[in-house]
Protein backbone atom coordinates (compact mmCIF):
# COMPACT_ATOMS: atom_id res chain seq x y z
CA MET A 1 128.54 72.78 -61.27
CA LYS A 2 130.51 70.62 -63.54
CA ALA A 3 129.43 69.43 -67.02
CA GLU A 4 130.75 67.11 -69.62
CA ILE A 5 129.67 66.80 -73.20
CA VAL A 6 129.22 63.48 -75.11
CA ALA A 7 128.78 64.00 -78.89
CA VAL A 8 127.54 60.97 -80.60
CA GLY A 9 128.14 60.15 -84.29
CA THR A 10 130.66 58.21 -86.34
CA GLU A 11 130.63 61.13 -88.88
CA LEU A 12 132.30 63.14 -86.10
CA LEU A 13 135.20 60.65 -85.79
CA LEU A 14 135.63 60.37 -89.55
CA GLY A 15 135.82 64.19 -90.03
CA ASP A 16 132.70 64.32 -92.14
CA ILE A 17 131.39 67.13 -89.92
CA VAL A 18 132.91 69.43 -87.24
CA ASN A 19 131.56 69.12 -83.67
CA GLY A 20 129.96 72.65 -83.72
CA ASN A 21 127.24 71.43 -81.17
CA ALA A 22 129.97 71.20 -78.44
CA ALA A 23 131.36 74.60 -79.10
CA TRP A 24 127.80 76.13 -78.84
CA LEU A 25 126.93 74.27 -75.77
CA GLY A 26 130.29 75.30 -74.15
CA ARG A 27 129.35 78.98 -74.75
CA GLU A 28 125.73 78.56 -73.47
CA LEU A 29 126.78 76.66 -70.34
CA ALA A 30 129.28 79.36 -69.48
CA ASP A 31 126.40 81.84 -69.69
CA VAL A 32 124.70 80.00 -66.82
CA GLY A 33 127.85 79.46 -64.74
CA VAL A 34 128.44 75.91 -65.52
CA ASP A 35 132.05 74.60 -66.26
CA VAL A 36 132.63 72.19 -69.01
CA ASP A 37 135.46 70.03 -67.98
CA MET A 38 135.63 67.62 -70.96
CA THR A 39 134.03 67.04 -74.34
CA VAL A 40 134.28 63.66 -76.05
CA ALA A 41 133.11 62.23 -79.34
CA VAL A 42 131.99 58.53 -79.68
CA GLY A 43 130.89 56.57 -82.68
CA ASP A 44 127.56 54.93 -83.22
CA ASN A 45 127.77 51.86 -81.00
CA ILE A 46 125.61 51.14 -77.97
CA GLY A 47 128.28 49.88 -75.73
CA ARG A 48 130.89 52.72 -76.42
CA ILE A 49 128.10 55.34 -76.15
CA ALA A 50 127.09 53.85 -72.71
CA ALA A 51 130.56 53.64 -71.55
CA ALA A 52 131.26 57.32 -72.51
CA VAL A 53 128.27 58.66 -70.75
CA GLY A 54 128.73 56.39 -67.79
CA ALA A 55 132.27 57.56 -67.37
CA ALA A 56 131.18 61.32 -67.64
CA CYS A 57 128.50 60.66 -64.95
CA GLU A 58 131.16 59.51 -62.50
CA ARG A 59 132.98 62.92 -62.84
CA ALA A 60 130.34 65.44 -63.64
CA ASP A 61 127.12 66.85 -62.23
CA VAL A 62 125.60 67.38 -65.76
CA VAL A 63 126.18 65.34 -68.89
CA LEU A 64 124.88 66.75 -72.20
CA VAL A 65 124.54 64.23 -75.02
CA THR A 66 123.99 65.25 -78.62
CA GLY A 67 123.13 63.08 -81.60
CA GLY A 68 121.76 59.39 -81.99
CA LEU A 69 118.07 60.22 -81.35
CA GLY A 70 116.67 59.93 -84.91
CA PRO A 71 114.76 57.20 -86.61
CA THR A 72 117.46 55.23 -88.33
CA GLN A 73 119.25 52.07 -87.20
CA ASP A 74 122.37 53.80 -86.43
CA ASP A 75 120.65 56.27 -83.89
CA LEU A 76 121.46 54.34 -80.74
CA THR A 77 121.48 56.85 -77.95
CA ARG A 78 118.21 55.71 -76.47
CA GLU A 79 119.39 52.01 -76.51
CA ALA A 80 122.84 53.09 -74.90
CA LEU A 81 121.10 55.09 -72.07
CA ALA A 82 118.68 52.24 -71.41
CA GLU A 83 121.60 49.83 -71.18
CA LEU A 84 123.69 52.14 -69.00
CA VAL A 85 120.93 52.67 -66.43
CA GLY A 86 119.76 48.98 -66.67
CA VAL A 87 116.18 49.59 -67.71
CA PRO A 88 114.25 48.44 -70.73
CA LEU A 89 113.07 50.78 -73.65
CA ILE A 90 109.28 51.47 -73.49
CA ARG A 91 107.00 52.94 -76.14
CA ASP A 92 105.57 56.17 -74.87
CA PRO A 93 102.06 56.64 -76.10
CA GLU A 94 102.28 60.42 -75.80
CA LEU A 95 105.27 60.58 -77.85
CA GLU A 96 103.69 58.27 -80.37
CA ALA A 97 100.53 60.39 -80.68
CA ALA A 98 102.68 63.47 -81.07
CA LEU A 99 104.63 61.88 -83.93
CA LEU A 100 101.46 60.88 -85.81
CA ARG A 101 99.91 64.38 -85.28
CA ARG A 102 103.01 65.93 -86.66
CA TYR A 103 102.86 63.88 -89.83
CA GLU A 104 99.05 64.43 -90.23
CA ALA A 105 99.62 68.17 -89.75
CA ALA A 106 102.09 68.02 -92.61
CA GLY A 107 99.54 66.23 -94.89
CA ARG A 108 101.69 63.14 -94.81
CA THR A 109 99.85 59.66 -94.90
CA ASP A 110 102.96 57.58 -95.45
CA PHE A 111 104.08 57.30 -91.87
CA PRO A 112 107.32 55.13 -91.68
CA ALA A 113 107.16 52.56 -89.18
CA ASN A 114 110.80 53.00 -88.09
CA ASN A 115 109.80 56.55 -86.99
CA LEU A 116 108.15 55.09 -84.06
CA ARG A 117 111.64 54.38 -82.67
CA MET A 118 111.54 58.13 -81.63
CA ALA A 119 108.56 57.29 -79.45
CA GLU A 120 110.72 55.08 -77.25
CA ARG A 121 112.48 56.04 -74.14
CA PRO A 122 114.34 54.31 -71.30
CA GLU A 123 112.00 53.47 -68.55
CA GLY A 124 112.10 56.27 -65.90
CA ALA A 125 113.44 58.81 -68.37
CA THR A 126 111.55 62.18 -69.01
CA ALA A 127 110.86 63.04 -72.61
CA LEU A 128 111.83 66.69 -73.60
CA PRO A 129 109.44 67.72 -76.44
CA ASN A 130 111.07 68.91 -79.51
CA PRO A 131 109.37 72.05 -80.86
CA ALA A 132 111.70 72.13 -84.02
CA GLY A 133 111.68 68.59 -85.05
CA THR A 134 110.38 65.01 -84.45
CA ALA A 135 113.07 63.49 -82.22
CA PRO A 136 112.38 64.33 -78.47
CA GLY A 137 115.16 64.84 -76.07
CA LEU A 138 115.58 62.86 -72.95
CA ARG A 139 116.34 63.49 -69.36
CA ILE A 140 117.52 60.76 -66.85
CA GLU A 141 119.68 60.53 -63.77
CA PHE A 142 122.51 58.14 -63.34
CA GLY A 143 125.63 57.39 -61.31
CA PRO A 144 127.04 57.87 -57.83
CA ARG A 145 126.90 61.63 -58.06
CA GLY A 146 123.26 61.64 -59.24
CA ALA A 147 124.35 63.13 -62.39
CA VAL A 148 121.59 64.41 -64.76
CA VAL A 149 121.90 63.31 -68.36
CA TYR A 150 120.27 65.56 -70.99
CA ALA A 151 120.25 63.79 -74.39
CA MET A 152 119.32 66.08 -77.41
CA PRO A 153 119.18 65.57 -81.18
CA GLY A 154 122.34 66.34 -83.25
CA VAL A 155 120.56 68.65 -85.60
CA PRO A 156 121.76 72.05 -84.35
CA ARG A 157 118.55 73.86 -84.75
CA GLU A 158 116.61 71.08 -82.76
CA MET A 159 119.31 70.93 -80.11
CA HIS A 160 119.23 74.68 -79.55
CA GLU A 161 115.44 74.57 -79.21
CA ILE A 162 115.55 71.81 -76.62
CA PHE A 163 118.45 73.21 -74.68
CA ASP A 164 116.74 76.75 -74.50
CA ARG A 165 113.26 75.45 -73.67
CA TRP A 166 114.15 72.72 -71.13
CA VAL A 167 117.66 72.32 -70.21
CA ARG A 168 118.87 75.93 -69.78
CA PRO A 169 115.99 76.78 -67.20
CA GLU A 170 116.70 73.84 -65.12
CA LEU A 171 120.52 74.40 -65.15
CA THR A 172 119.99 77.94 -64.27
CA GLN A 173 117.86 77.03 -61.26
CA ARG A 174 120.27 74.42 -60.14
CA ALA A 175 123.40 76.60 -60.35
CA GLY A 176 121.67 79.25 -58.36
CA PRO A 177 122.80 82.89 -57.84
CA GLY A 178 126.58 83.74 -57.90
CA THR A 179 127.68 81.58 -60.76
CA THR A 180 128.08 83.97 -63.70
CA LEU A 181 130.87 82.93 -66.04
CA LEU A 182 131.94 85.54 -68.60
CA SER A 183 134.78 85.65 -71.29
CA ARG A 184 136.41 88.38 -73.22
CA VAL A 185 138.65 87.55 -76.23
CA LEU A 186 141.57 89.92 -77.37
CA ARG A 187 142.38 89.35 -81.04
CA THR A 188 146.02 89.68 -82.20
CA VAL A 189 147.82 89.49 -85.50
CA GLY A 190 151.41 89.17 -86.60
CA ILE A 191 152.68 87.56 -83.52
CA TRP A 192 153.42 83.90 -82.65
CA GLU A 193 151.40 82.17 -79.79
CA SER A 194 154.63 81.58 -77.91
CA GLU A 195 155.32 85.36 -78.11
CA VAL A 196 151.95 86.17 -76.85
CA ALA A 197 152.44 83.87 -73.97
CA ARG A 198 155.91 85.25 -73.16
CA ALA A 199 154.57 88.91 -73.24
CA LEU A 200 151.83 87.92 -70.67
CA ALA A 201 153.88 85.44 -68.61
CA ASP A 202 154.03 87.67 -65.49
CA LEU A 203 150.25 88.35 -65.58
CA ASP A 204 149.66 84.60 -66.04
CA ARG A 205 151.81 83.75 -62.99
CA GLU A 206 149.81 86.18 -60.89
CA LEU A 207 146.53 84.59 -61.85
CA GLU A 208 147.59 81.03 -61.32
CA ALA A 209 147.06 81.23 -57.54
CA SER A 210 143.36 82.26 -57.72
CA ARG A 211 142.67 80.76 -61.19
CA ASN A 212 139.98 83.49 -61.44
CA PRO A 213 140.10 85.22 -63.88
CA THR A 214 142.06 82.81 -66.16
CA ILE A 215 143.81 83.29 -69.53
CA ALA A 216 143.92 80.82 -72.42
CA TYR A 217 145.70 81.19 -75.83
CA LEU A 218 143.95 80.02 -79.01
CA ALA A 219 146.17 80.13 -82.06
CA SER A 220 144.76 79.70 -85.59
CA GLU A 221 145.73 80.81 -89.19
CA GLY A 222 148.35 83.36 -88.24
CA GLN A 223 146.26 84.99 -85.35
CA THR A 224 146.41 84.37 -81.64
CA ARG A 225 143.39 84.95 -79.58
CA VAL A 226 143.78 85.70 -75.76
CA ARG A 227 140.65 84.54 -73.87
CA ILE A 228 140.18 86.13 -70.47
CA THR A 229 137.52 84.32 -68.35
CA ALA A 230 136.10 85.35 -64.99
CA LYS A 231 133.57 83.77 -62.62
CA ALA A 232 131.76 85.90 -60.11
CA VAL A 233 128.44 86.44 -58.26
CA ASP A 234 127.12 88.55 -61.04
CA ALA A 235 127.81 89.78 -64.67
CA ALA A 236 128.84 93.17 -63.49
CA THR A 237 131.52 91.77 -61.09
CA ALA A 238 132.75 89.49 -63.72
CA ARG A 239 133.12 92.24 -66.29
CA GLU A 240 135.07 94.31 -63.74
CA GLN A 241 137.45 91.43 -63.14
CA ILE A 242 137.93 90.90 -66.81
CA ALA A 243 138.42 94.66 -67.56
CA ALA A 244 141.32 94.72 -64.91
CA VAL A 245 143.19 91.78 -66.65
CA GLU A 246 142.44 93.13 -70.10
CA ARG A 247 144.02 96.55 -69.33
CA ARG A 248 147.17 94.76 -68.20
CA ALA A 249 147.24 92.43 -71.17
CA ARG A 250 146.70 95.21 -73.74
CA ALA A 251 149.57 97.12 -72.17
CA ALA A 252 151.79 94.12 -72.40
CA LEU A 253 150.89 93.21 -76.01
CA GLY A 254 150.60 96.75 -77.52
CA ASP A 255 149.40 97.41 -80.96
CA VAL A 256 149.34 93.77 -82.08
CA VAL A 257 145.70 93.65 -80.50
CA TYR A 258 143.49 94.64 -83.36
CA GLY A 259 140.12 93.77 -81.81
CA VAL A 260 137.97 91.94 -79.28
CA ASP A 261 135.37 89.08 -79.26
CA ASP A 262 133.80 88.68 -82.72
CA ASP A 263 135.87 91.26 -84.45
CA ARG A 264 137.59 90.28 -87.84
CA LEU A 265 140.69 91.90 -89.19
CA GLU A 266 139.03 92.79 -92.47
CA GLY A 267 136.11 94.39 -90.62
CA VAL A 268 138.47 96.50 -88.45
CA VAL A 269 140.09 97.61 -91.65
CA HIS A 270 136.71 98.46 -93.24
CA ARG A 271 135.80 100.64 -90.10
CA LEU A 272 139.18 102.46 -90.20
CA LEU A 273 138.70 103.33 -93.91
CA LEU A 274 135.15 104.35 -93.38
CA ASP A 275 136.18 106.61 -90.48
CA ALA A 276 139.04 108.16 -92.67
CA SER A 277 136.65 108.46 -95.61
CA ALA A 278 139.19 106.48 -97.43
CA THR A 279 138.78 103.73 -100.10
CA ILE A 280 141.25 101.07 -101.26
CA ALA A 281 142.04 98.94 -104.36
CA THR A 282 144.00 95.71 -104.80
CA ALA A 283 146.39 94.37 -107.26
CA GLU A 284 147.10 90.66 -106.51
CA SER A 285 149.65 88.20 -108.15
CA LEU A 286 150.48 85.76 -105.30
CA THR A 287 147.06 85.87 -103.48
CA GLY A 288 144.90 85.44 -106.58
CA GLY A 289 141.98 87.43 -105.39
CA LEU A 290 141.95 86.26 -101.76
CA LEU A 291 142.89 89.95 -100.49
CA GLY A 292 140.00 91.40 -102.48
CA ALA A 293 137.67 88.66 -101.13
CA ALA A 294 138.57 89.64 -97.46
CA LEU A 295 138.12 93.34 -98.14
CA SER A 296 134.76 92.88 -99.69
CA ALA A 297 133.61 90.33 -97.00
CA THR A 298 132.23 92.98 -94.56
CA PRO A 299 128.62 94.17 -95.20
CA GLY A 300 128.86 97.86 -96.44
CA SER A 301 132.27 97.24 -97.98
CA SER A 302 131.37 98.65 -101.26
CA SER A 303 131.88 102.10 -99.62
CA THR A 304 135.53 101.40 -98.76
CA TYR A 305 136.68 98.75 -101.31
CA ARG A 306 136.68 100.14 -104.94
CA GLY A 307 137.80 96.92 -106.63
CA GLY A 308 140.76 94.90 -107.63
CA ALA A 309 142.68 92.96 -110.29
CA VAL A 310 144.18 89.56 -110.26
CA LEU A 311 147.33 89.82 -112.14
CA TYR A 312 148.92 86.36 -112.42
CA ALA A 313 150.50 86.60 -116.02
CA THR A 314 153.44 88.87 -115.93
CA GLU A 315 152.02 90.98 -119.03
CA THR A 316 148.79 91.65 -117.22
CA LYS A 317 150.58 93.75 -114.66
CA SER A 318 151.34 96.17 -117.54
CA ASP A 319 148.14 95.70 -119.49
CA VAL A 320 145.81 96.17 -116.58
CA VAL A 321 147.49 98.41 -114.01
CA GLY A 322 150.17 100.02 -116.14
CA VAL A 323 153.42 98.58 -114.59
CA ALA A 324 156.31 99.78 -116.90
CA PRO A 325 157.30 96.86 -119.19
CA ALA A 326 160.93 97.94 -118.93
CA LEU A 327 160.73 97.44 -115.01
CA LEU A 328 159.23 93.98 -115.47
CA ALA A 329 161.79 93.09 -117.99
CA GLU A 330 164.62 94.34 -115.76
CA ARG A 331 163.39 92.97 -112.27
CA GLY A 332 160.87 90.23 -113.02
CA PRO A 333 157.44 90.03 -111.52
CA ILE A 334 158.60 89.23 -107.97
CA ASP A 335 160.34 92.42 -106.96
CA PRO A 336 159.57 95.21 -104.40
CA ASP A 337 159.52 97.97 -106.93
CA VAL A 338 157.16 96.06 -109.06
CA ALA A 339 154.85 95.62 -106.10
CA VAL A 340 154.90 99.32 -105.53
CA ALA A 341 153.99 100.00 -109.12
CA MET A 342 151.20 97.49 -108.94
CA ALA A 343 149.78 99.08 -105.90
CA ASP A 344 150.00 102.66 -107.51
CA GLY A 345 148.38 101.23 -110.73
CA ALA A 346 145.44 99.77 -108.78
CA ARG A 347 145.00 103.02 -106.82
CA LEU A 348 144.78 105.04 -110.16
CA THR A 349 142.90 102.48 -112.15
CA PHE A 350 140.11 102.11 -109.62
CA GLY A 351 140.17 105.74 -108.32
CA ALA A 352 140.83 104.72 -104.77
CA THR A 353 142.75 106.61 -101.79
CA TYR A 354 145.10 103.55 -101.31
CA GLY A 355 146.28 100.79 -103.40
CA ILE A 356 147.75 97.55 -102.05
CA ALA A 357 149.55 94.83 -104.05
CA THR A 358 150.86 91.39 -103.39
CA THR A 359 153.56 89.46 -105.26
CA GLY A 360 155.71 86.54 -104.37
CA VAL A 361 156.45 82.84 -104.53
CA ALA A 362 153.70 80.58 -103.22
CA GLY A 363 155.34 77.37 -104.35
CA PRO A 364 155.74 74.43 -104.74
CA ALA A 365 158.97 75.48 -106.55
CA GLU A 366 161.06 78.61 -106.58
CA GLN A 367 160.56 81.29 -109.28
CA ASP A 368 163.03 83.64 -110.78
CA GLY A 369 165.65 82.57 -108.32
CA LYS A 370 163.37 83.48 -105.33
CA PRO A 371 162.62 80.91 -102.79
CA VAL A 372 159.24 79.57 -101.86
CA GLY A 373 157.60 81.85 -99.31
CA THR A 374 159.32 85.09 -100.66
CA VAL A 375 156.48 87.76 -100.43
CA TYR A 376 156.39 91.56 -101.11
CA VAL A 377 153.37 93.66 -100.10
CA ALA A 378 153.23 97.24 -101.03
CA LEU A 379 150.92 100.05 -100.09
CA VAL A 380 150.63 103.48 -101.92
CA GLY A 381 148.49 106.25 -100.73
CA PRO A 382 147.43 109.54 -102.00
CA ASP A 383 150.96 110.84 -102.52
CA GLY A 384 151.71 108.28 -105.00
CA ALA A 385 154.39 105.66 -105.78
CA ALA A 386 157.19 107.71 -104.67
CA ALA A 387 155.83 107.91 -101.05
CA GLY A 388 154.64 104.23 -101.15
CA THR A 389 155.99 101.54 -98.88
CA VAL A 390 156.84 97.97 -99.41
CA GLN A 391 157.67 95.22 -96.96
CA ALA A 392 159.36 91.95 -97.61
CA PHE A 393 158.53 88.62 -95.94
CA ARG A 394 159.45 84.98 -95.87
CA PHE A 395 156.64 82.85 -95.00
CA SER A 396 156.84 79.01 -94.37
CA GLY A 397 154.21 76.39 -95.05
CA ASP A 398 152.40 75.05 -98.06
CA ARG A 399 150.95 77.09 -100.81
CA ASP A 400 147.55 77.81 -99.34
CA GLY A 401 149.19 78.73 -96.08
CA ILE A 402 151.65 81.23 -97.61
CA ARG A 403 148.74 82.90 -99.47
CA ARG A 404 146.64 83.15 -96.29
CA ALA A 405 149.50 84.52 -94.29
CA THR A 406 150.08 87.17 -97.02
CA VAL A 407 146.28 88.17 -96.86
CA LEU A 408 146.51 88.65 -93.02
CA THR A 409 149.77 90.56 -93.34
CA ALA A 410 148.37 92.86 -96.01
CA LEU A 411 145.25 93.62 -93.95
CA ASP A 412 147.49 94.48 -90.94
CA ILE A 413 149.62 96.66 -92.97
CA VAL A 414 146.65 98.66 -93.99
CA ARG A 415 145.36 98.73 -90.38
CA ARG A 416 148.57 100.17 -89.17
CA ARG A 417 148.79 102.73 -91.97
CA ILE A 418 145.15 103.95 -91.54
CA GLY A 419 145.35 103.69 -87.87
CA GLY A 420 148.65 105.78 -87.51
CA LEU A 421 150.53 102.80 -86.09
CA PRO A 422 154.21 102.08 -86.85
CA PRO A 423 154.88 99.08 -89.23
CA ARG A 424 155.96 95.82 -87.82
């Protein structure tokens, strides 16, 4: 069974909000074995909404529409569906009574007349009661394929409730047995999307013939996710198919894979530190506290992250974590030896097992003769500065991008050190 999603709302087109409803629906539809072929966003215009839904009905078995069912003049999904099907809008007495009861139960006496728009539905459409709000959903059939259109409010909580209560059971019944769709995501760091694709090229070619399982690549913020999706008669069979592909993908990718599914790199680092009964502290110049924020983001991180210092001014590197003034005077703040001294100073100052430091040039201009993107990350362990390590990098992008790349790289350096992996 094939589905398409039509998200209604000019705010989506203007970028005022992100289309999280489509992402949520994609996951939920996969759970019941329904393939989503296309997602489109359309503004608040009757003709364009009708055209988008009509086109989807020509291709798909199921069309899910979100948004445009509220009481205001720019909520036009009801009118668009009526225009598409060629029927009038009618006032539903039961919907009207339900709206009035909801207001009375809330102790409201100022019932706005325009709210009665939510009691209207295209003739022949079925109302889907909304247990989480006032705007009901709608169900109507249209098109040569007999596509079923489910229209739901754009408010996520209300959309979830209507989908779970009315839409999911019907789709599960229509899909029938043998349509389980499952995915597994491998998370990588420190490797380009093109490098991941090249490493998995042979496996990808083998899967092209059957297209089940499939592999997809999702790159974002210096990380590449590898999504393995299988469709099978039941969940156990799908998991077996995914496991076989995952084993081969892990073998091809090696230790750049740091986790699966919802794992976060900072969470993996926290678990490794916890398992090693170790703690860490930070000294940050370039990243301005972003690394400390990442290390403290995981619940329970107070047991592994001791604290940190943001050392933007050169003199604070001496005053706060004890970097030798002579070293700073000789080398300047952007230097590998200075990074090591910062990391060791953080370790000692906060009483941690490890200290990690970042320094570099985020831009927009070069500093101390160092070009934009120059970065040093140092890690010092229990054996002190003499045994510390420092790595140099040259990142591209804008100021924020360089800082974010540095945080990811620093977290991966800790992951590798604590996990006994070689540095990249």
